[in-house]
Amino acid sequence: MTSPGVPPHPSIDVREAAAAAARAEGIGSGIGSGIGSGSPLLIDVRERNEFVQLRAPGAVLYPTSSFLLRFEELPRDRPLHVICNSGSRSAAVTAWLLRNGWSDVHDVAGGMVAWVRAGLETRRGPLAPGEGDLT
């Protein structure tokens, strides 16, 4: 349900987001990679401690607490799929990006809670070098 006068933000199902991630990795670009313009970029807006505990493979970490300091690094020439834990923070970030010049941005409906419930691949624990970085 949306608030009166506030347009709904576009969203994408976790399975669609995961399939896009798999296709991106299949063509050698990697969802978090700077290579392969046009392939989706999964943006995780949770805080670092949440990301270390549980994350989607290939996700790029842009915590909401520091998002306004870094958002200009995000590409405008490829789809952005924004995810958080349950969908609240990602919905706010999606709406903000759309209001500020990005055009192909989707909230991942249900966030990591839905991702886990769908049985999709996850990673846990310490980050590998460069994991979570936008390259």
Protein backbone atom coordinates (compact mmCIF):
# COMPACT_ATOMS: atom_id res chain seq x y z
CA MET A 1 0.00 0.00 0.00
CA THR A 2 1.27 3.48 -0.81
CA SER A 3 0.67 6.79 0.89
CA PRO A 4 -1.71 9.22 -0.88
CA GLY A 5 0.14 11.41 -3.35
CA VAL A 6 3.31 9.29 -3.22
CA PRO A 7 3.92 7.21 -6.34
CA PRO A 8 4.95 3.59 -5.73
CA HIS A 9 8.58 2.76 -6.38
CA PRO A 10 9.44 -0.02 -8.78
CA SER A 11 10.32 -3.33 -7.19
CA ILE A 12 11.74 -6.63 -8.32
CA ASP A 13 11.15 -10.09 -6.85
CA VAL A 14 14.15 -11.72 -5.13
CA ARG A 15 14.10 -14.58 -7.62
CA GLU A 16 14.25 -12.11 -10.53
CA ALA A 17 17.13 -10.26 -8.82
CA ALA A 18 19.00 -13.53 -8.23
CA ALA A 19 18.43 -14.62 -11.84
CA ALA A 20 19.76 -11.26 -13.07
CA ALA A 21 22.79 -11.73 -10.83
CA ALA A 22 23.40 -15.22 -12.21
CA ARG A 23 23.10 -13.97 -15.81
CA ALA A 24 25.52 -11.14 -15.08
CA GLU A 25 28.05 -13.55 -13.59
CA GLY A 26 27.53 -15.94 -16.49
CA ILE A 27 28.68 -13.34 -19.00
CA GLY A 28 31.82 -12.73 -17.00
CA SER A 29 30.95 -9.31 -15.67
CA GLY A 30 29.91 -10.21 -12.13
CA ILE A 31 26.97 -8.37 -10.60
CA GLY A 32 29.26 -6.17 -8.53
CA SER A 33 31.80 -5.62 -11.27
CA GLY A 34 32.38 -2.41 -13.14
CA ILE A 35 32.73 -4.47 -16.31
CA GLY A 36 29.72 -5.26 -18.44
CA SER A 37 27.74 -2.05 -18.61
CA GLY A 38 24.07 -2.95 -18.73
CA SER A 39 24.26 -5.87 -16.34
CA PRO A 40 22.41 -5.34 -13.03
CA LEU A 41 24.25 -4.11 -9.97
CA LEU A 42 22.96 -5.38 -6.62
CA ILE A 43 23.33 -2.60 -4.02
CA ASP A 44 23.07 -3.70 -0.37
CA VAL A 45 22.19 -0.72 1.85
CA ARG A 46 22.43 -2.52 5.19
CA GLU A 47 25.23 -1.74 7.61
CA ARG A 48 28.59 -3.51 7.36
CA ASN A 49 27.96 -5.79 10.36
CA GLU A 50 24.71 -7.02 8.78
CA PHE A 51 26.48 -7.56 5.46
CA VAL A 52 29.26 -9.62 7.09
CA GLN A 53 26.69 -11.81 8.84
CA LEU A 54 24.70 -12.58 5.68
CA ARG A 55 24.86 -11.34 2.09
CA ALA A 56 23.92 -12.13 -1.47
CA PRO A 57 26.85 -13.14 -3.68
CA GLY A 58 28.16 -10.24 -5.73
CA ALA A 59 26.34 -7.55 -3.74
CA VAL A 60 27.98 -4.14 -3.41
CA LEU A 61 27.85 -2.58 0.07
CA TYR A 62 26.53 1.01 0.32
CA PRO A 63 25.27 1.39 3.93
CA THR A 64 22.44 3.88 4.39
CA SER A 65 24.44 5.55 7.18
CA SER A 66 27.02 6.72 4.62
CA PHE A 67 24.97 6.52 1.42
CA LEU A 68 24.79 10.28 0.84
CA LEU A 69 28.59 10.46 0.95
CA ARG A 70 29.03 7.88 -1.84
CA PHE A 71 25.90 7.72 -4.01
CA GLU A 72 27.52 9.62 -6.89
CA GLU A 73 29.85 6.63 -7.46
CA LEU A 74 26.87 4.55 -8.59
CA PRO A 75 26.59 4.04 -12.35
CA ARG A 76 23.67 5.56 -14.22
CA ASP A 77 24.11 3.33 -17.29
CA ARG A 78 23.03 0.01 -15.79
CA PRO A 79 20.13 -1.33 -13.72
CA LEU A 80 20.43 -1.02 -9.95
CA HIS A 81 18.71 -3.54 -7.67
CA VAL A 82 18.63 -2.20 -4.10
CA ILE A 83 18.34 -4.62 -1.17
CA CYS A 84 18.27 -4.36 2.63
CA ASN A 85 17.03 -6.71 5.34
CA SER A 86 13.26 -6.50 4.85
CA GLY A 87 12.64 -3.79 2.25
CA SER A 88 12.22 -0.53 4.20
CA ARG A 89 15.68 0.98 3.73
CA SER A 90 15.96 -0.23 0.15
CA ALA A 91 12.57 1.30 -0.69
CA ALA A 92 13.70 4.66 0.67
CA VAL A 93 17.03 4.51 -1.22
CA THR A 94 15.28 3.41 -4.43
CA ALA A 95 12.85 6.34 -4.22
CA TRP A 96 15.71 8.75 -3.46
CA LEU A 97 17.79 7.58 -6.44
CA LEU A 98 14.79 7.86 -8.77
CA ARG A 99 14.13 11.42 -7.57
CA ASN A 100 17.78 12.31 -8.12
CA GLY A 101 18.39 11.29 -11.71
CA TRP A 102 18.75 7.51 -11.83
CA SER A 103 16.18 5.88 -14.06
CA ASP A 104 16.62 2.09 -13.86
CA VAL A 105 16.39 1.38 -10.12
CA HIS A 106 14.35 -1.34 -8.43
CA ASP A 107 13.79 -2.24 -4.80
CA VAL A 108 14.32 -5.96 -4.11
CA ALA A 109 10.98 -6.83 -2.53
CA GLY A 110 11.27 -8.41 0.91
CA GLY A 111 15.05 -7.90 1.12
CA MET A 112 17.40 -10.50 2.53
CA VAL A 113 14.57 -12.03 4.58
CA ALA A 114 12.79 -12.95 1.32
CA TRP A 115 16.11 -13.94 -0.30
CA VAL A 116 16.77 -16.50 2.46
CA ARG A 117 13.15 -17.73 2.47
CA ALA A 118 13.42 -18.32 -1.28
CA GLY A 119 16.44 -20.58 -0.65
CA LEU A 120 18.75 -18.42 -2.74
CA GLU A 121 22.53 -18.58 -2.38
CA THR A 122 24.06 -16.54 0.45
CA ARG A 123 27.47 -15.95 1.95
CA ARG A 124 28.34 -15.52 5.62
CA GLY A 125 31.33 -14.47 7.65
CA PRO A 126 34.44 -12.47 6.89
CA LEU A 127 34.59 -10.75 3.53
CA ALA A 128 37.01 -11.85 0.84
CA PRO A 129 39.35 -9.10 -0.41
CA GLY A 130 37.31 -6.66 -2.52
CA GLU A 131 34.00 -8.31 -1.65
CA GLY A 132 31.27 -5.70 -1.31
CA ASP A 133 33.32 -3.07 -3.18
CA LEU A 134 32.23 -1.34 -6.37
CA THR A 135 34.98 -2.05 -8.87
